[in-house]
N, C-alpha and C. Protein backbone atom coordinates (compact mmCIF):
# COMPACT_ATOMS: atom_id res chain seq x y z
N MET A 1 -2.35 31.09 -7.61
CA MET A 1 -2.93 30.09 -8.10
C MET A 1 -3.78 29.42 -6.66
N THR A 2 -5.10 28.99 -6.63
CA THR A 2 -5.86 28.41 -5.78
C THR A 2 -5.63 27.02 -5.62
N PHE A 3 -5.48 26.37 -4.27
CA PHE A 3 -5.15 25.30 -3.71
C PHE A 3 -6.43 24.47 -4.33
N PRO A 4 -6.06 23.42 -5.31
CA PRO A 4 -7.15 22.56 -5.86
C PRO A 4 -7.75 21.47 -5.15
N TRP A 5 -7.02 20.87 -4.24
CA TRP A 5 -7.76 19.78 -3.49
C TRP A 5 -8.46 20.43 -2.15
N SER A 6 -9.30 19.39 -2.08
CA SER A 6 -10.20 19.57 -0.98
C SER A 6 -10.89 18.06 -0.53
N PRO A 7 -11.47 17.88 0.72
CA PRO A 7 -12.12 16.49 0.92
C PRO A 7 -13.16 16.34 -0.06
N LYS A 8 -13.75 17.34 -0.87
CA LYS A 8 -14.69 16.91 -1.82
C LYS A 8 -13.96 16.59 -3.26
N ASN A 9 -12.56 17.03 -3.23
CA ASN A 9 -12.26 17.06 -4.61
C ASN A 9 -10.57 16.38 -4.06
N LEU A 10 -10.46 15.18 -3.54
CA LEU A 10 -8.99 14.70 -3.58
C LEU A 10 -8.51 14.27 -4.67
N CYS A 11 -6.94 14.61 -4.38
CA CYS A 11 -6.23 14.32 -5.86
C CYS A 11 -5.76 12.79 -5.59
N LYS A 12 -6.23 11.90 -6.47
CA LYS A 12 -6.15 10.61 -6.43
C LYS A 12 -4.90 10.39 -7.78
N GLN A 13 -3.84 11.11 -7.79
CA GLN A 13 -2.86 10.77 -8.85
C GLN A 13 -1.47 11.09 -7.94
N ASN A 14 -0.50 10.40 -8.38
CA ASN A 14 0.86 10.30 -7.98
C ASN A 14 1.58 11.83 -8.20
N PHE A 15 2.44 12.44 -7.97
CA PHE A 15 2.96 13.80 -8.13
C PHE A 15 4.42 13.16 -8.51
N VAL A 16 4.78 13.08 -9.91
CA VAL A 16 6.03 12.39 -10.42
C VAL A 16 6.64 13.53 -11.46
N ASN A 17 7.95 13.72 -11.23
CA ASN A 17 8.42 14.89 -12.40
C ASN A 17 7.75 15.95 -12.53
N ASN A 18 7.11 16.70 -11.37
CA ASN A 18 6.49 17.76 -11.66
C ASN A 18 5.32 17.58 -12.42
N GLU A 19 4.49 16.76 -12.18
CA GLU A 19 3.37 16.55 -12.65
C GLU A 19 2.27 15.18 -12.15
N TYR A 20 1.25 15.46 -12.33
CA TYR A 20 0.24 14.42 -11.63
C TYR A 20 0.30 13.10 -12.91
N VAL A 21 0.47 12.19 -12.30
CA VAL A 21 -0.04 11.20 -13.31
C VAL A 21 -0.49 9.82 -12.53
N ASP A 22 -1.35 9.06 -13.31
CA ASP A 22 -2.32 8.12 -12.63
C ASP A 22 -1.28 6.81 -12.62
N SER A 23 -1.65 6.29 -11.33
CA SER A 23 -0.84 5.06 -10.98
C SER A 23 -0.95 4.03 -11.81
N LYS A 24 -0.05 3.24 -12.33
CA LYS A 24 0.12 2.01 -13.23
C LYS A 24 -0.78 0.79 -12.36
N ASN A 25 -0.64 0.99 -11.07
CA ASN A 25 -1.24 -0.36 -10.16
C ASN A 25 -2.74 -0.19 -10.00
N SER A 26 -3.82 -1.14 -10.32
CA SER A 26 -4.62 -1.19 -10.22
C SER A 26 -5.31 -1.36 -8.93
N LYS A 27 -4.67 -1.28 -7.71
CA LYS A 27 -5.33 -1.80 -6.59
C LYS A 27 -5.72 -0.31 -5.76
N LYS A 28 -6.51 -0.46 -5.21
CA LYS A 28 -7.40 0.60 -4.65
C LYS A 28 -7.54 0.69 -3.23
N LEU A 29 -7.49 1.82 -2.30
CA LEU A 29 -7.63 1.87 -0.82
C LEU A 29 -8.72 2.33 -0.46
N THR A 30 -9.44 1.91 0.54
CA THR A 30 -10.61 2.66 1.08
C THR A 30 -10.18 3.59 2.28
N VAL A 31 -10.67 4.56 2.41
CA VAL A 31 -10.35 5.54 3.23
C VAL A 31 -11.39 6.00 4.16
N TYR A 32 -11.51 5.97 5.79
CA TYR A 32 -12.49 6.28 6.40
C TYR A 32 -12.02 7.39 7.49
N ASN A 33 -12.79 8.37 7.90
CA ASN A 33 -12.34 9.28 8.93
C ASN A 33 -12.56 8.64 10.08
N PRO A 34 -11.37 8.50 10.73
CA PRO A 34 -11.41 7.60 12.21
C PRO A 34 -12.27 8.42 13.18
N LYS A 35 -12.39 9.71 12.96
CA LYS A 35 -13.38 10.63 13.95
C LYS A 35 -14.84 10.14 14.01
N ASP A 36 -15.16 9.95 12.77
CA ASP A 36 -16.79 9.58 12.87
C ASP A 36 -17.35 8.29 11.91
N GLY A 37 -16.01 7.74 11.34
CA GLY A 37 -16.26 6.47 10.64
C GLY A 37 -17.01 6.73 9.23
N SER A 38 -17.03 7.90 8.94
CA SER A 38 -17.58 8.34 7.52
C SER A 38 -16.57 8.08 6.50
N LEU A 39 -17.06 7.52 5.37
CA LEU A 39 -16.35 7.21 4.14
C LEU A 39 -15.99 8.50 3.39
N ILE A 40 -14.63 8.41 3.28
CA ILE A 40 -13.84 9.70 2.71
C ILE A 40 -13.51 9.33 1.04
N ALA A 41 -13.40 8.25 0.93
CA ALA A 41 -13.12 7.58 -0.44
C ALA A 41 -12.96 6.39 -0.77
N ASP A 42 -13.19 5.55 -1.75
CA ASP A 42 -13.11 3.76 -1.82
C ASP A 42 -12.45 3.72 -3.34
N ASP A 43 -11.71 4.70 -3.70
CA ASP A 43 -11.16 4.50 -4.89
C ASP A 43 -9.51 5.35 -5.15
N VAL A 44 -8.74 5.39 -3.78
CA VAL A 44 -7.56 5.91 -3.84
C VAL A 44 -6.13 4.93 -4.50
N PRO A 45 -5.93 5.28 -5.40
CA PRO A 45 -5.03 4.36 -6.28
C PRO A 45 -3.91 4.06 -5.37
N LEU A 46 -3.29 3.09 -5.38
CA LEU A 46 -2.01 2.58 -4.46
C LEU A 46 -0.89 2.66 -5.42
N ALA A 47 0.32 3.57 -5.25
CA ALA A 47 1.34 3.08 -5.90
C ALA A 47 2.09 1.85 -5.74
N GLY A 48 2.43 1.31 -6.92
CA GLY A 48 3.00 -0.18 -7.11
C GLY A 48 4.52 0.24 -7.36
N ALA A 49 5.05 -0.87 -7.71
CA ALA A 49 6.76 -0.96 -7.86
C ALA A 49 6.98 -0.11 -9.10
N GLU A 50 6.00 -0.26 -9.93
CA GLU A 50 6.29 0.49 -11.20
C GLU A 50 6.21 2.00 -10.97
N ASP A 51 5.21 2.68 -10.42
CA ASP A 51 5.18 3.93 -9.85
C ASP A 51 6.34 4.47 -9.16
N VAL A 52 6.65 3.46 -8.14
CA VAL A 52 7.76 3.86 -7.38
C VAL A 52 9.25 4.01 -8.15
N ASP A 53 9.46 3.00 -9.29
CA ASP A 53 10.83 3.09 -9.99
C ASP A 53 10.49 4.20 -10.83
N ALA A 54 9.02 4.72 -11.50
CA ALA A 54 9.09 5.78 -12.37
C ALA A 54 9.57 7.06 -11.40
N ALA A 55 9.30 7.09 -10.16
CA ALA A 55 9.39 8.30 -9.21
C ALA A 55 10.80 8.55 -9.13
N VAL A 56 11.50 7.28 -8.69
CA VAL A 56 12.98 7.18 -8.49
C VAL A 56 13.75 7.46 -9.89
N ALA A 57 13.41 7.28 -10.70
CA ALA A 57 14.14 7.51 -12.06
C ALA A 57 13.86 8.96 -12.41
N ALA A 58 12.93 9.63 -12.00
CA ALA A 58 12.70 10.93 -12.12
C ALA A 58 13.68 11.55 -11.24
N GLY A 59 13.61 11.32 -9.85
CA GLY A 59 14.71 12.02 -9.18
C GLY A 59 16.22 11.81 -9.59
N GLU A 60 16.52 10.52 -10.17
CA GLU A 60 18.08 10.31 -10.45
C GLU A 60 18.07 11.06 -11.62
N LYS A 61 17.24 11.28 -12.36
CA LYS A 61 17.67 12.07 -13.87
C LYS A 61 17.69 13.70 -13.23
N ALA A 62 16.96 13.95 -12.54
CA ALA A 62 16.76 15.48 -11.80
C ALA A 62 18.10 15.89 -10.93
N TRP A 63 18.74 14.68 -10.31
CA TRP A 63 19.65 14.95 -9.42
C TRP A 63 20.99 15.84 -9.93
N PRO A 64 21.50 15.64 -11.05
CA PRO A 64 22.72 16.47 -11.60
C PRO A 64 22.40 17.58 -11.83
N ALA A 65 21.17 18.16 -12.28
CA ALA A 65 21.07 19.61 -12.44
C ALA A 65 20.71 20.39 -10.94
N TRP A 66 20.49 19.68 -10.17
CA TRP A 66 20.06 20.34 -8.85
C TRP A 66 21.29 20.16 -8.42
N LYS A 67 22.47 19.23 -8.32
CA LYS A 67 23.63 19.44 -7.63
C LYS A 67 24.53 20.43 -8.12
N LYS A 68 24.36 20.69 -9.31
CA LYS A 68 24.97 21.85 -10.15
C LYS A 68 24.47 23.05 -9.79
N MET A 69 23.38 23.11 -9.41
CA MET A 69 22.58 24.37 -9.31
C MET A 69 23.31 25.05 -7.85
N GLY A 70 23.51 26.53 -7.93
CA GLY A 70 24.04 27.32 -6.94
C GLY A 70 23.13 27.23 -5.41
N ALA A 71 23.64 27.23 -4.60
CA ALA A 71 22.70 27.16 -3.12
C ALA A 71 21.86 28.11 -3.05
N ASN A 72 22.16 29.66 -3.62
CA ASN A 72 21.25 30.60 -3.54
C ASN A 72 19.78 30.06 -4.15
N GLN A 73 20.07 29.78 -5.43
CA GLN A 73 19.18 29.09 -6.05
C GLN A 73 18.43 27.93 -5.66
N ARG A 74 18.78 26.97 -5.13
CA ARG A 74 18.16 25.98 -4.48
C ARG A 74 17.61 26.34 -3.17
N ARG A 75 17.86 27.33 -2.41
CA ARG A 75 17.54 28.14 -1.24
C ARG A 75 16.19 28.58 -1.74
N GLY A 76 16.32 29.19 -3.00
CA GLY A 76 14.95 30.16 -3.62
C GLY A 76 13.85 29.14 -3.87
N ILE A 77 14.02 28.09 -4.70
CA ILE A 77 13.34 26.92 -4.70
C ILE A 77 12.48 26.35 -3.44
N LEU A 78 13.16 26.07 -2.51
CA LEU A 78 12.74 25.26 -1.20
C LEU A 78 11.86 26.64 -0.48
N ASN A 79 12.32 27.90 -0.75
CA ASN A 79 11.44 28.87 -0.12
C ASN A 79 10.14 28.98 -0.54
N LYS A 80 10.29 28.94 -2.05
CA LYS A 80 8.93 29.03 -2.62
C LYS A 80 8.09 28.13 -2.39
N PHE A 81 8.70 26.80 -2.15
CA PHE A 81 7.81 25.77 -1.86
C PHE A 81 7.39 25.95 -0.04
N ALA A 82 8.18 26.10 0.38
CA ALA A 82 7.43 26.56 1.71
C ALA A 82 6.60 27.44 2.08
N ASP A 83 6.85 28.67 1.26
CA ASP A 83 5.48 29.65 1.06
C ASP A 83 4.44 29.20 0.59
N LEU A 84 4.65 28.31 -0.70
CA LEU A 84 3.45 27.85 -0.98
C LEU A 84 2.54 26.83 0.27
N VAL A 85 3.31 25.95 0.92
CA VAL A 85 2.92 25.36 1.86
C VAL A 85 2.22 26.05 3.28
N GLU A 86 2.65 27.14 3.31
CA GLU A 86 2.31 27.87 4.55
C GLU A 86 1.09 28.84 3.81
N ALA A 87 0.91 29.04 2.75
CA ALA A 87 -0.01 29.91 1.86
C ALA A 87 -1.42 29.04 2.07
N ASN A 88 -1.19 27.61 2.14
CA ASN A 88 -2.21 26.47 1.73
C ASN A 88 -2.14 25.70 2.91
N GLY A 89 -1.60 26.18 3.94
CA GLY A 89 -1.25 25.36 5.34
C GLY A 89 -2.71 24.74 5.67
N GLU A 90 -3.57 25.61 5.64
CA GLU A 90 -5.04 25.13 6.60
C GLU A 90 -5.84 24.14 5.73
N ALA A 91 -5.54 24.29 4.30
CA ALA A 91 -6.39 23.27 3.23
C ALA A 91 -5.56 22.00 3.29
N ILE A 92 -4.10 22.19 3.24
CA ILE A 92 -3.24 20.94 3.29
C ILE A 92 -3.51 20.36 4.70
N ALA A 93 -3.57 20.70 5.77
CA ALA A 93 -3.80 20.13 7.03
C ALA A 93 -5.18 19.46 7.16
N GLU A 94 -6.47 20.20 6.46
CA GLU A 94 -7.59 19.92 6.57
C GLU A 94 -7.51 18.33 6.06
N LEU A 95 -6.73 18.04 4.76
CA LEU A 95 -6.91 16.91 4.05
C LEU A 95 -6.21 15.71 4.87
N THR A 96 -5.08 16.30 5.59
CA THR A 96 -4.79 15.36 6.67
C THR A 96 -5.54 14.74 7.75
N ARG A 97 -5.99 15.85 8.15
CA ARG A 97 -7.18 15.67 9.32
C ARG A 97 -8.35 14.71 9.02
N ILE A 98 -8.91 14.59 7.98
CA ILE A 98 -9.99 13.80 7.68
C ILE A 98 -9.54 12.49 7.88
N THR A 99 -8.13 12.09 7.41
CA THR A 99 -7.98 10.85 7.68
C THR A 99 -7.37 10.32 8.90
N LEU A 100 -6.67 11.59 9.83
CA LEU A 100 -6.09 11.20 10.82
C LEU A 100 -7.18 11.30 12.12
N GLY A 101 -8.28 12.12 11.95
CA GLY A 101 -9.27 12.38 12.67
C GLY A 101 -9.01 13.15 14.06
N ALA A 102 -8.03 13.86 13.71
CA ALA A 102 -7.37 15.05 14.78
C ALA A 102 -7.61 16.37 14.32
N PRO A 103 -8.07 17.35 15.24
CA PRO A 103 -8.33 18.53 15.14
C PRO A 103 -7.37 19.48 14.43
N TYR A 104 -7.85 20.37 13.65
CA TYR A 104 -6.68 21.22 13.00
C TYR A 104 -5.87 22.07 13.90
N LYS A 105 -6.53 22.99 14.87
CA LYS A 105 -5.99 23.86 15.61
C LYS A 105 -4.88 23.06 16.54
N ALA A 106 -5.14 21.97 17.04
CA ALA A 106 -4.15 21.19 17.70
C ALA A 106 -2.90 20.72 17.05
N PHE A 107 -3.32 20.13 15.87
CA PHE A 107 -2.37 19.11 14.99
C PHE A 107 -1.92 19.77 13.92
N GLY A 108 -3.08 20.09 13.08
CA GLY A 108 -2.55 20.55 11.84
C GLY A 108 -1.95 21.85 11.81
N ALA A 109 -2.18 22.51 12.60
CA ALA A 109 -1.18 24.07 12.55
C ALA A 109 0.39 23.58 12.85
N PHE A 110 0.25 22.78 13.71
CA PHE A 110 1.51 22.15 14.41
C PHE A 110 2.17 21.64 13.07
N GLU A 111 1.63 20.87 12.38
CA GLU A 111 2.34 20.35 11.05
C GLU A 111 2.92 21.26 10.11
N VAL A 112 1.93 22.02 10.20
CA VAL A 112 2.60 23.41 9.03
C VAL A 112 3.55 24.21 9.66
N GLY A 113 3.85 24.71 10.97
CA GLY A 113 4.75 25.23 11.62
C GLY A 113 5.82 24.04 11.52
N LEU A 114 5.92 22.91 11.48
CA LEU A 114 6.88 22.03 11.52
C LEU A 114 7.46 22.04 10.17
N CYS A 115 6.66 22.09 9.04
CA CYS A 115 7.53 22.19 8.01
C CYS A 115 8.23 23.45 7.61
N ALA A 116 8.00 24.86 8.06
CA ALA A 116 8.49 25.93 8.11
C ALA A 116 9.81 25.66 9.00
N GLU A 117 9.78 24.72 10.17
CA GLU A 117 10.81 24.82 10.83
C GLU A 117 11.93 23.89 10.23
N VAL A 118 11.36 22.79 9.30
CA VAL A 118 12.31 21.84 8.64
C VAL A 118 12.94 22.81 7.72
N ARG A 119 12.02 23.64 6.76
CA ARG A 119 12.83 24.49 5.88
C ARG A 119 13.93 25.13 6.28
N SER A 120 14.05 25.82 7.49
CA SER A 120 15.14 26.38 7.80
C SER A 120 16.34 25.43 8.05
N HIS A 121 16.04 24.30 8.65
CA HIS A 121 17.14 23.28 8.94
C HIS A 121 17.60 22.88 7.60
N THR A 122 16.80 22.87 6.30
CA THR A 122 17.24 22.39 5.14
C THR A 122 18.11 23.32 4.53
N LEU A 123 17.66 24.81 4.98
CA LEU A 123 18.55 25.83 4.25
C LEU A 123 19.87 25.82 4.71
N SER A 124 20.18 25.47 6.07
CA SER A 124 21.42 25.26 6.64
C SER A 124 22.05 24.27 6.18
N ILE A 125 21.61 23.24 5.48
CA ILE A 125 22.34 22.09 5.11
C ILE A 125 22.57 22.26 3.50
N ILE A 126 21.75 22.99 2.93
CA ILE A 126 22.08 23.61 1.54
C ILE A 126 23.33 24.57 1.29
N ARG A 127 23.53 25.12 2.30
CA ARG A 127 24.44 26.37 2.66
C ARG A 127 25.93 25.48 2.66
N CYS A 128 25.82 24.37 3.45
CA CYS A 128 27.21 23.43 3.36
C CYS A 128 27.27 22.56 2.33
N SER A 129 26.53 22.38 1.50
CA SER A 129 26.70 21.45 0.20
C SER A 129 27.22 22.12 -0.68
């Protein structure tokens, strides 16, 4: 699967319960690139209380099944997620770079590597639960 997002095709939805959903809040955010002041987007929806409540409810609903799942299965899911992050790391970092103004090689690559490091710590925690 190709990573669908880019600076010219920003995701402007919330990701809740494994799907992209529109924000219920009407407030929008304007985002500029701090490196050169260029406009990135002026219509990024802000999640409101109702959006947060929906995300929390989805997490609470998913928790019992996750808790019952064996450690090896949870590890497999987290490894798949980490593999996707690594496979799409440059594209993901590009999206964060345009809002932070920092170069990819110095910072974006570090962030992707840090995600993989967090994965190994998370797997240790999963083995203990």
